[in-house]
Amino acid sequence: MDEKAKDERPRILAFRPPFFNYLRFINMKKLSSKLRLLGIAGAIAALTLAAGAAHAEDTIKVGVLHSLSGTMAISETTLKDTMLMLIDEQNKKGGLLGKKLEAVVVDPASNWPLFAEKARELLTKDKVAAIFGCWTSVSRKSVLPVIEELNGLLFYPVQYEGEESSKNVFYTGAAPNQQAIPAVDYLMNDLKVKRWVLAGTDYVYPRTTNKILEAYLVSKGVAKKDIMINYTPFGHSDWQGIVADIKKFGSAGKKTAVVSTINGDANIPFYKELGNQGISAEQIPVIAFSVGEEELSGMDTKPLVGHLAAWNYFMSIDTTKNAAFISQWHDFIKNPKRVTNDPMEAHYIGFNMWVKAVEKAGSTDPDAVQKAIIGVEFPNLTGGTSKMLPNHHISKPVLIGEIQDDGQLQTVWQTNKLIDGDAWSDFLPESKPIIADWTAPISCGNYNTKTKKCSGQNF
């Protein structure tokens, strides 16, 4: 190509027929329109994100970590509904710190590792200020490392085995000295029981509780041959052989009772088999630690009449506050047949203690709430006032109830005062010198009073 051709090439490439230029104008117009649309879409997206962020800043999120499916759904679904009711009520009062509360509900599906995953998600993704949840101790133990690692707050509403006190957990259910030990005392002193069947689901709560109870019974002079211990898996359904063994054990001429730490839907076939084999409450009474009004509402209660349960609250309690709570529950749930139970009251107390602590601290910051909540008091539904103790347990009354044919529990015995929850059992040699106290100067959940050392988490 010569120099003249090179000079002419740009002019040749720059030439466009008139029709081509028209098409180019049309395409540029379409492109401009598309760019404008993309700009609008981007602006909308940005506004949406900004609105979401503003909404997040205007609310305080509360995590609800209860199984809505699986073997524990029979017990835990109601606790989810309870939390929604409590949050709704607080919002009607104006919320908290000038903000509305927002429930974030997840379903760990009775899957213990999933509890930990969901707890992490609530704290890191949803940024909840506190979590109200768990039923079984294995679910709580699964969540515990996550809560402590991320410095979250867990309010745990169910009776448990003790031997634990975390600065990140508030135990609003019963410790063994608020349920298991008084229940055995009642059976021993009032019903004159001499032989003992300790029957539980095979996980940490029943095993540790029964370890404490066995030591307690032996300290009271009960021979080991008069103590039968049995464990079954979650969801166990074939009770024929086990109930036959219980029946045989109770035929030795000594008054026998079953102390039950059976959890979840396994209780339904257990009690049904007791009826099938003709075991009445007069012959071998069963006192349950995990069967309340909610579980009884799904059972045929006729063969259960006279059997017992140990809790810190019954729906049948006749107080003004309890009547108001039941009325509020029925109005919220839109079903006058729904019952109330002990873990619901524990959430009621724990949630309101958290609210008072946040107001006292002026913040939802976990460290501030942990310090502010100790000493906080709130009226329980049985007529007393519960208090958050330095060991992160609360004071509670103890009640023994007898199952009625309508599925309610009628109080047959109760303490004459509130009992302070004890994190560490005096009946286990390794635990006797241990105390929990999250106030200065100890600030420890596992403090040995003999060695003067904290062997666990400290503040």
Protein backbone atom coordinates (compact mmCIF):
# COMPACT_ATOMS: atom_id res chain seq x y z
CA MET A 1 0.00 0.00 0.00
CA ASP A 2 1.47 3.41 -1.02
CA GLU A 3 1.42 6.54 1.16
CA LYS A 4 -1.54 8.04 -0.71
CA ALA A 5 -3.74 5.01 0.03
CA LYS A 6 -2.73 5.11 3.70
CA ASP A 7 -3.78 8.76 3.88
CA GLU A 8 -7.14 8.04 2.27
CA ARG A 9 -8.03 4.99 4.44
CA PRO A 10 -9.36 6.90 7.46
CA ARG A 11 -11.61 8.92 5.21
CA ILE A 12 -12.92 5.75 3.51
CA LEU A 13 -13.67 4.07 6.93
CA ALA A 14 -15.26 7.23 8.23
CA PHE A 15 -17.77 7.29 5.35
CA ARG A 16 -21.33 6.09 6.30
CA PRO A 17 -24.41 5.94 4.11
CA PRO A 18 -27.27 8.15 5.38
CA PHE A 19 -29.47 5.11 6.19
CA PHE A 20 -26.69 3.56 8.33
CA ASN A 21 -26.35 6.79 10.29
CA TYR A 22 -30.12 6.72 10.98
CA LEU A 23 -29.87 3.18 12.35
CA ARG A 24 -26.93 4.21 14.48
CA PHE A 25 -28.98 7.08 15.91
CA ILE A 26 -31.86 4.72 16.75
CA ASN A 27 -29.50 2.18 18.45
CA MET A 28 -27.81 4.92 20.48
CA LYS A 29 -31.23 6.07 21.59
CA LYS A 30 -32.14 2.53 22.71
CA LEU A 31 -28.81 2.20 24.49
CA SER A 32 -29.35 5.50 26.25
CA SER A 33 -32.82 4.34 27.29
CA LYS A 34 -31.40 1.06 28.63
CA LEU A 35 -28.73 2.91 30.56
CA ARG A 36 -31.37 5.17 32.06
CA LEU A 37 -33.43 2.09 33.08
CA LEU A 38 -30.36 0.49 34.61
CA GLY A 39 -29.69 3.70 36.50
CA ILE A 40 -33.25 3.73 37.84
CA ALA A 41 -32.99 0.04 38.80
CA GLY A 42 -29.71 0.72 40.56
CA ALA A 43 -31.21 3.62 42.40
CA ILE A 44 -34.19 1.51 43.46
CA ALA A 45 -31.84 -1.23 44.65
CA ALA A 46 -29.79 1.30 46.57
CA LEU A 47 -32.92 2.77 48.14
CA THR A 48 -34.14 -0.73 49.04
CA LEU A 49 -30.82 -1.56 50.72
CA ALA A 50 -30.86 1.77 52.51
CA ALA A 51 -34.43 1.16 53.67
CA GLY A 52 -33.46 -2.32 54.87
CA ALA A 53 -30.49 -0.93 56.74
CA ALA A 54 -32.65 1.81 58.25
CA HIS A 55 -35.24 -0.82 59.28
CA ALA A 56 -32.51 -2.92 60.87
CA GLU A 57 -31.31 0.13 62.82
CA ASP A 58 -34.87 0.93 63.92
CA THR A 59 -35.50 -2.52 65.40
CA ILE A 60 -33.92 -4.71 68.03
CA LYS A 61 -33.81 -8.28 66.82
CA VAL A 62 -34.60 -11.14 69.18
CA GLY A 63 -33.64 -14.70 68.22
CA VAL A 64 -36.10 -17.56 68.81
CA LEU A 65 -34.29 -20.90 68.71
CA HIS A 66 -36.84 -23.67 69.24
CA SER A 67 -37.51 -26.91 67.35
CA LEU A 68 -40.62 -26.63 65.19
CA SER A 69 -40.14 -30.13 63.73
CA GLY A 70 -38.72 -33.43 64.89
CA THR A 71 -39.08 -35.24 68.20
CA MET A 72 -38.97 -32.10 70.36
CA ALA A 73 -41.55 -30.11 68.40
CA ILE A 74 -44.25 -31.46 70.76
CA SER A 75 -42.71 -29.33 73.51
CA GLU A 76 -40.88 -26.49 71.79
CA THR A 77 -43.39 -25.13 69.26
CA THR A 78 -45.41 -23.58 72.06
CA LEU A 79 -42.32 -21.78 73.33
CA LYS A 80 -41.85 -20.17 69.92
CA ASP A 81 -45.45 -18.95 70.09
CA THR A 82 -44.86 -17.70 73.63
CA MET A 83 -41.92 -15.59 72.51
CA LEU A 84 -43.93 -14.09 69.65
CA MET A 85 -46.64 -13.15 72.16
CA LEU A 86 -44.15 -11.56 74.58
CA ILE A 87 -42.47 -9.59 71.80
CA ASP A 88 -45.84 -8.44 70.48
CA GLU A 89 -46.86 -7.30 73.96
CA GLN A 90 -43.62 -5.37 74.44
CA ASN A 91 -44.06 -3.63 71.10
CA LYS A 92 -47.56 -2.56 72.15
CA LYS A 93 -45.91 -0.91 75.16
CA GLY A 94 -43.67 1.07 72.82
CA GLY A 95 -40.85 -1.39 72.23
CA LEU A 96 -37.48 -1.11 73.92
CA LEU A 97 -35.11 1.88 73.99
CA GLY A 98 -37.39 3.62 71.53
CA LYS A 99 -37.21 0.79 69.00
CA LYS A 100 -39.56 -2.00 68.01
CA LEU A 101 -38.56 -5.57 68.74
CA GLU A 102 -38.34 -7.95 65.78
CA ALA A 103 -38.52 -11.72 66.24
CA VAL A 104 -36.17 -13.83 64.13
CA VAL A 105 -37.51 -17.40 64.24
CA VAL A 106 -35.45 -20.39 63.11
CA ASP A 107 -36.12 -24.13 63.22
CA PRO A 108 -33.21 -26.29 64.44
CA ALA A 109 -35.50 -29.29 63.84
CA SER A 110 -34.50 -31.34 66.93
CA ASN A 111 -31.06 -31.67 65.33
CA TRP A 112 -28.43 -30.87 67.93
CA PRO A 113 -25.58 -29.74 65.60
CA LEU A 114 -28.12 -27.63 63.71
CA PHE A 115 -28.83 -25.73 66.94
CA ALA A 116 -25.22 -24.51 66.89
CA GLU A 117 -25.43 -23.54 63.21
CA LYS A 118 -28.66 -21.63 63.72
CA ALA A 119 -27.30 -19.86 66.80
CA ARG A 120 -24.25 -18.71 64.81
CA GLU A 121 -26.52 -17.52 62.02
CA LEU A 122 -28.70 -15.56 64.46
CA LEU A 123 -25.69 -13.82 65.98
CA THR A 124 -23.56 -13.16 62.89
CA LYS A 125 -26.10 -12.73 60.10
CA ASP A 126 -29.23 -11.51 61.87
CA LYS A 127 -27.36 -9.62 64.61
CA VAL A 128 -29.85 -10.53 67.32
CA ALA A 129 -29.48 -8.87 70.72
CA ALA A 130 -30.42 -12.06 72.61
CA ILE A 131 -31.55 -15.61 71.92
CA PHE A 132 -34.40 -17.32 73.71
CA GLY A 133 -34.31 -21.02 73.06
CA CYS A 134 -33.36 -24.68 73.44
CA TRP A 135 -35.13 -27.37 75.43
CA THR A 136 -32.83 -30.36 75.81
CA SER A 137 -29.46 -29.99 77.50
CA VAL A 138 -27.75 -31.49 74.47
CA SER A 139 -29.11 -28.63 72.36
CA ARG A 140 -27.93 -26.11 74.96
CA LYS A 141 -24.50 -27.76 75.13
CA SER A 142 -24.34 -27.58 71.34
CA VAL A 143 -25.10 -23.85 71.36
CA LEU A 144 -22.88 -22.99 74.33
CA PRO A 145 -19.49 -22.75 72.53
CA VAL A 146 -21.02 -20.53 69.85
CA ILE A 147 -22.67 -18.21 72.36
CA GLU A 148 -19.44 -17.88 74.33
CA GLU A 149 -17.26 -17.40 71.24
CA LEU A 150 -19.46 -14.65 69.84
CA ASN A 151 -20.42 -13.19 73.24
CA GLY A 152 -24.13 -13.67 72.69
CA LEU A 153 -26.88 -14.05 75.28
CA LEU A 154 -29.01 -17.18 75.69
CA PHE A 155 -32.07 -17.40 77.92
CA TYR A 156 -32.69 -21.09 78.60
CA PRO A 157 -36.23 -21.83 79.91
CA VAL A 158 -36.20 -25.52 80.85
CA GLN A 159 -35.21 -27.54 83.91
CA TYR A 160 -31.73 -29.00 83.57
CA GLU A 161 -29.02 -31.01 85.32
CA GLY A 162 -26.94 -28.13 86.68
CA GLU A 163 -23.14 -28.47 86.74
CA GLU A 164 -22.82 -25.39 84.54
CA SER A 165 -22.78 -21.62 84.73
CA SER A 166 -21.83 -19.51 81.72
CA LYS A 167 -21.60 -15.74 81.69
CA ASN A 168 -23.50 -15.89 78.39
CA VAL A 169 -26.43 -18.03 79.58
CA PHE A 170 -29.31 -17.26 81.94
CA TYR A 171 -30.96 -20.39 83.32
CA THR A 172 -34.61 -19.53 83.97
CA GLY A 173 -35.72 -23.18 84.29
CA ALA A 174 -35.14 -25.28 87.40
CA ALA A 175 -31.79 -26.51 88.67
CA PRO A 176 -31.83 -29.96 90.35
CA ASN A 177 -32.35 -28.43 93.81
CA GLN A 178 -35.48 -26.70 92.45
CA GLN A 179 -37.12 -29.83 91.00
CA ALA A 180 -35.40 -33.23 91.22
CA ILE A 181 -34.31 -33.18 94.88
CA PRO A 182 -37.64 -31.80 96.23
CA ALA A 183 -39.52 -34.36 94.10
CA VAL A 184 -37.58 -37.25 95.65
CA ASP A 185 -38.12 -35.78 99.13
CA TYR A 186 -41.86 -35.70 98.48
CA LEU A 187 -41.94 -39.32 97.31
CA MET A 188 -39.78 -40.44 100.22
CA ASN A 189 -41.50 -38.50 103.00
CA ASP A 190 -45.12 -38.26 101.87
CA LEU A 191 -45.59 -41.43 99.80
CA LYS A 192 -43.06 -43.55 101.74
CA VAL A 193 -41.30 -44.79 98.59
CA LYS A 194 -38.51 -47.33 99.21
CA ARG A 195 -37.57 -48.53 95.72
CA TRP A 196 -36.65 -46.21 92.88
CA VAL A 197 -36.72 -46.44 89.08
CA LEU A 198 -34.72 -43.66 87.44
CA ALA A 199 -35.91 -43.73 83.82
CA GLY A 200 -34.62 -41.23 81.29
CA THR A 201 -33.81 -40.40 77.70
CA ASP A 202 -30.19 -41.16 76.89
CA TYR A 203 -28.46 -37.78 76.95
CA VAL A 204 -26.72 -35.42 79.35
CA TYR A 205 -29.69 -34.09 81.35
CA PRO A 206 -31.12 -37.44 82.51
CA ARG A 207 -27.70 -39.01 83.04
CA THR A 208 -26.36 -36.14 85.15
CA THR A 209 -29.63 -35.66 87.04
CA ASN A 210 -29.80 -39.38 87.82
CA LYS A 211 -26.16 -39.36 88.94
CA ILE A 212 -27.11 -36.63 91.42
CA LEU A 213 -30.29 -38.45 92.48
CA GLU A 214 -28.50 -41.77 92.96
CA ALA A 215 -25.92 -40.09 95.19
CA TYR A 216 -28.70 -38.33 97.09
CA LEU A 217 -30.69 -41.55 97.60
CA VAL A 218 -27.61 -43.42 98.82
CA SER A 219 -26.89 -40.56 101.26
CA LYS A 220 -30.44 -41.10 102.58
CA GLY A 221 -29.77 -44.77 103.24
CA VAL A 222 -31.28 -46.31 100.11
CA ALA A 223 -29.45 -49.50 99.06
CA LYS A 224 -28.17 -49.63 95.49
CA LYS A 225 -30.17 -52.81 94.87
CA ASP A 226 -33.29 -50.67 95.41
CA ILE A 227 -32.33 -48.32 92.60
CA MET A 228 -33.03 -49.30 88.97
CA ILE A 229 -31.67 -47.03 86.21
CA ASN A 230 -32.75 -47.21 82.56
CA TYR A 231 -32.09 -45.07 79.47
CA THR A 232 -33.75 -45.05 76.06
CA PRO A 233 -33.04 -43.04 72.88
CA PHE A 234 -34.98 -40.00 71.75
CA GLY A 235 -38.26 -40.96 70.12
CA HIS A 236 -38.30 -44.43 71.72
CA SER A 237 -41.61 -46.19 71.07
CA ASP A 238 -41.34 -49.84 72.17
CA TRP A 239 -41.89 -49.71 75.93
CA GLN A 240 -43.42 -53.14 76.49
CA GLY A 241 -40.28 -54.85 77.83
CA ILE A 242 -39.09 -51.87 79.90
CA VAL A 243 -42.49 -51.35 81.54
CA ALA A 244 -42.62 -55.09 82.30
CA ASP A 245 -39.23 -54.75 84.03
CA ILE A 246 -40.52 -51.79 86.04
CA LYS A 247 -43.58 -53.80 87.04
CA LYS A 248 -41.42 -56.71 88.16
CA PHE A 249 -39.04 -54.38 90.07
CA GLY A 250 -42.05 -52.91 91.88
CA SER A 251 -43.40 -56.28 92.99
CA ALA A 252 -40.80 -56.87 95.73
CA GLY A 253 -43.09 -55.75 98.53
CA LYS A 254 -41.65 -52.25 98.86
CA LYS A 255 -43.34 -49.05 97.71
CA THR A 256 -41.84 -48.22 94.30
CA ALA A 257 -41.90 -45.05 92.21
CA VAL A 258 -40.58 -44.01 88.80
CA VAL A 259 -38.64 -40.76 88.55
CA SER A 260 -38.92 -39.88 84.86
CA THR A 261 -36.55 -37.73 82.84
CA ILE A 262 -37.99 -39.08 79.58
CA ASN A 263 -38.18 -36.25 77.04
CA GLY A 264 -40.19 -35.44 73.94
CA ASP A 265 -42.74 -37.58 72.16
CA ALA A 266 -41.40 -40.80 73.73
CA ASN A 267 -43.61 -39.96 76.72
CA ILE A 268 -46.79 -40.76 74.78
CA PRO A 269 -46.08 -44.49 74.22
CA PHE A 270 -44.47 -44.76 77.68
CA TYR A 271 -47.61 -43.67 79.53
CA LYS A 272 -49.80 -45.64 77.12
CA GLU A 273 -47.85 -48.81 77.94
CA LEU A 274 -48.22 -48.17 81.67
CA GLY A 275 -51.98 -48.22 81.09
CA ASN A 276 -51.78 -51.30 78.87
CA GLN A 277 -50.01 -53.22 81.64
CA GLY A 278 -52.40 -52.01 84.32
CA ILE A 279 -49.87 -49.97 86.30
CA SER A 280 -51.80 -47.34 88.22
CA ALA A 281 -50.55 -44.36 90.18
CA GLU A 282 -51.55 -46.12 93.41
CA GLN A 283 -49.31 -49.09 92.57
CA ILE A 284 -46.24 -47.41 91.05
CA PRO A 285 -46.51 -43.62 90.82
CA VAL A 286 -44.52 -41.85 88.11
CA ILE A 287 -43.19 -38.37 88.82
CA ALA A 288 -42.12 -36.64 85.60
CA PHE A 289 -39.75 -33.72 85.12
CA SER A 290 -40.47 -33.15 81.42
CA VAL A 291 -44.21 -33.76 81.13
CA GLY A 292 -46.50 -30.81 81.59
CA GLU A 293 -49.80 -29.49 80.33
CA GLU A 294 -48.62 -29.20 76.71
CA GLU A 295 -47.50 -32.84 76.50
CA LEU A 296 -50.62 -34.04 78.35
CA SER A 297 -52.88 -32.20 75.89
CA GLY A 298 -51.89 -34.74 73.23
CA MET A 299 -52.43 -37.83 75.40
CA ASP A 300 -55.33 -39.94 76.61
CA THR A 301 -55.09 -38.88 80.25
CA LYS A 302 -57.49 -41.45 81.76
CA PRO A 303 -54.75 -44.01 82.57
CA LEU A 304 -52.47 -41.20 83.76
CA VAL A 305 -54.73 -39.84 86.50
CA GLY A 306 -52.90 -39.72 89.81
CA HIS A 307 -49.39 -39.78 88.33
CA LEU A 308 -47.26 -36.78 89.20
CA ALA A 309 -45.11 -34.00 87.76
CA ALA A 310 -42.64 -31.68 89.45
CA TRP A 311 -42.38 -28.15 88.10
CA ASN A 312 -42.28 -24.54 89.26
CA TYR A 313 -45.59 -23.50 87.67
CA PHE A 314 -48.92 -25.10 86.77
CA MET A 315 -51.68 -23.67 84.63
CA SER A 316 -54.10 -24.43 87.47
CA ILE A 317 -52.38 -21.94 89.84
CA ASP A 318 -55.03 -19.54 91.11
CA THR A 319 -53.50 -16.05 91.03
CA THR A 320 -54.54 -12.82 89.34
CA LYS A 321 -51.33 -12.68 87.33
CA ASN A 322 -51.75 -16.24 86.08
CA ALA A 323 -55.35 -15.60 85.05
CA ALA A 324 -54.22 -12.53 83.10
CA PHE A 325 -51.39 -14.51 81.47
CA ILE A 326 -53.74 -17.31 80.38
CA SER A 327 -56.21 -14.77 79.00
CA GLN A 328 -53.45 -12.98 77.09
CA TRP A 329 -52.25 -16.32 75.68
CA HIS A 330 -55.70 -17.32 74.48
CA ASP A 331 -56.28 -13.92 72.89
CA PHE A 332 -52.94 -14.08 71.09
CA ILE A 333 -53.10 -17.71 69.94
CA LYS A 334 -56.82 -17.47 69.00
CA ASN A 335 -57.52 -20.84 70.58
CA PRO A 336 -59.13 -21.08 74.05
CA LYS A 337 -58.14 -24.74 74.32
CA ARG A 338 -54.39 -24.10 74.24
CA VAL A 339 -52.73 -24.69 77.59
CA THR A 340 -49.91 -22.92 79.42
CA ASN A 341 -46.96 -24.64 81.10
CA ASP A 342 -43.80 -24.17 83.16
CA PRO A 343 -41.27 -23.38 80.37
CA MET A 344 -43.69 -20.74 79.08
CA GLU A 345 -43.59 -19.05 82.48
CA ALA A 346 -39.77 -19.33 82.45
CA HIS A 347 -39.68 -17.46 79.12
CA TYR A 348 -42.16 -14.92 80.52
CA ILE A 349 -39.86 -14.26 83.49
CA GLY A 350 -36.61 -14.38 81.48
CA PHE A 351 -37.84 -12.10 78.70
CA ASN A 352 -39.10 -9.47 81.12
CA MET A 353 -35.87 -9.64 83.11
CA TRP A 354 -33.96 -9.05 79.87
CA VAL A 355 -36.17 -6.06 79.06
CA LYS A 356 -35.57 -4.56 82.51
CA ALA A 357 -31.81 -5.18 82.23
CA VAL A 358 -31.63 -3.51 78.79
CA GLU A 359 -33.54 -0.51 80.12
CA LYS A 360 -31.26 -0.39 83.17
CA ALA A 361 -28.11 -0.59 81.00
CA GLY A 362 -29.51 1.73 78.32
CA SER A 363 -28.09 -0.68 75.78
CA THR A 364 -28.41 -4.20 74.33
CA ASP A 365 -24.63 -4.64 74.55
CA PRO A 366 -24.12 -8.17 75.98
CA ASP A 367 -21.52 -7.14 78.57
CA ALA A 368 -23.69 -4.27 79.79
CA VAL A 369 -26.78 -6.50 80.01
CA GLN A 370 -24.86 -9.25 81.82
CA LYS A 371 -23.87 -6.78 84.54
CA ALA A 372 -27.25 -5.05 84.72
CA ILE A 373 -29.41 -8.18 84.96
CA ILE A 374 -27.98 -9.57 88.20
CA GLY A 375 -30.36 -8.63 90.99
CA VAL A 376 -33.22 -7.82 88.61
CA GLU A 377 -36.56 -8.98 89.99
CA PHE A 378 -39.81 -9.80 88.23
CA PRO A 379 -43.11 -11.22 89.53
CA ASN A 380 -43.67 -14.88 88.65
CA LEU A 381 -47.14 -16.28 87.97
CA THR A 382 -47.47 -18.26 91.21
CA GLY A 383 -47.59 -15.21 93.47
CA GLY A 384 -43.94 -14.55 94.32
CA THR A 385 -41.15 -12.45 92.86
CA SER A 386 -38.26 -14.18 91.11
CA LYS A 387 -34.76 -12.72 91.16
CA MET A 388 -31.76 -13.15 88.86
CA LEU A 389 -28.96 -14.46 91.05
CA PRO A 390 -25.20 -13.92 90.68
CA ASN A 391 -24.90 -17.50 89.36
CA HIS A 392 -27.29 -16.65 86.46
CA HIS A 393 -30.07 -18.84 87.90
CA ILE A 394 -33.30 -17.51 89.37
CA SER A 395 -35.33 -18.05 92.53
CA LYS A 396 -38.43 -20.21 92.02
CA PRO A 397 -41.08 -22.06 94.04
CA VAL A 398 -41.26 -25.86 93.71
CA LEU A 399 -44.59 -27.57 93.06
CA ILE A 400 -45.68 -31.21 92.85
CA GLY A 401 -48.82 -31.72 90.77
CA GLU A 402 -51.16 -34.66 90.27
CA ILE A 403 -52.46 -35.37 86.76
CA GLN A 404 -56.21 -34.86 86.42
CA ASP A 405 -58.50 -36.45 83.85
CA ASP A 406 -58.75 -33.11 81.99
CA GLY A 407 -54.97 -33.00 81.47
CA GLN A 408 -54.37 -30.36 84.13
CA LEU A 409 -52.02 -30.68 87.10
CA GLN A 410 -53.45 -30.08 90.54
CA THR A 411 -50.94 -28.96 93.18
CA VAL A 412 -50.57 -31.50 96.01
CA TRP A 413 -47.39 -30.08 97.56
CA GLN A 414 -45.29 -26.95 97.29
CA THR A 415 -42.46 -25.16 99.05
CA ASN A 416 -43.42 -22.40 101.45
CA LYS A 417 -40.84 -20.04 99.90
CA LEU A 418 -38.88 -19.49 96.71
CA ILE A 419 -35.76 -21.63 96.30
CA ASP A 420 -32.54 -20.16 94.88
CA GLY A 421 -31.20 -22.15 91.93
CA ASP A 422 -27.89 -23.89 92.66
CA ALA A 423 -25.60 -24.33 89.66
CA TRP A 424 -23.40 -26.99 91.29
CA SER A 425 -24.75 -29.95 93.24
CA ASP A 426 -23.78 -30.50 96.86
CA PHE A 427 -24.34 -34.24 96.38
CA LEU A 428 -21.49 -34.81 93.94
CA PRO A 429 -18.10 -34.76 95.69
CA GLU A 430 -16.36 -33.07 92.76
CA SER A 431 -19.00 -30.31 92.65
CA LYS A 432 -19.53 -29.64 96.34
CA PRO A 433 -16.74 -27.02 96.66
CA ILE A 434 -17.69 -25.30 93.38
CA ILE A 435 -19.76 -22.14 93.22
CA ALA A 436 -20.79 -19.75 90.45
CA ASP A 437 -20.75 -16.01 91.01
CA TRP A 438 -20.61 -13.55 88.11
CA THR A 439 -20.05 -10.52 90.33
CA ALA A 440 -16.70 -9.11 91.45
CA PRO A 441 -14.35 -10.17 92.85
CA ILE A 442 -15.07 -13.81 91.86
CA SER A 443 -16.65 -13.22 88.41
CA CYS A 444 -16.50 -16.93 87.58
CA GLY A 445 -18.97 -19.72 86.87
CA ASN A 446 -16.72 -22.52 88.12
CA TYR A 447 -14.94 -21.25 91.22
CA ASN A 448 -13.37 -23.73 93.64
CA THR A 449 -13.83 -22.44 97.19
CA LYS A 450 -11.02 -24.70 98.45
CA THR A 451 -8.30 -23.86 95.91
CA LYS A 452 -9.59 -20.31 95.36
CA LYS A 453 -9.23 -20.82 91.61
CA CYS A 454 -11.53 -20.32 88.64
CA SER A 455 -11.26 -23.32 86.37
CA GLY A 456 -13.79 -22.13 83.80
CA GLN A 457 -14.89 -19.02 81.97
CA ASN A 458 -14.47 -15.73 83.81
CA PHE A 459 -15.70 -12.19 83.25
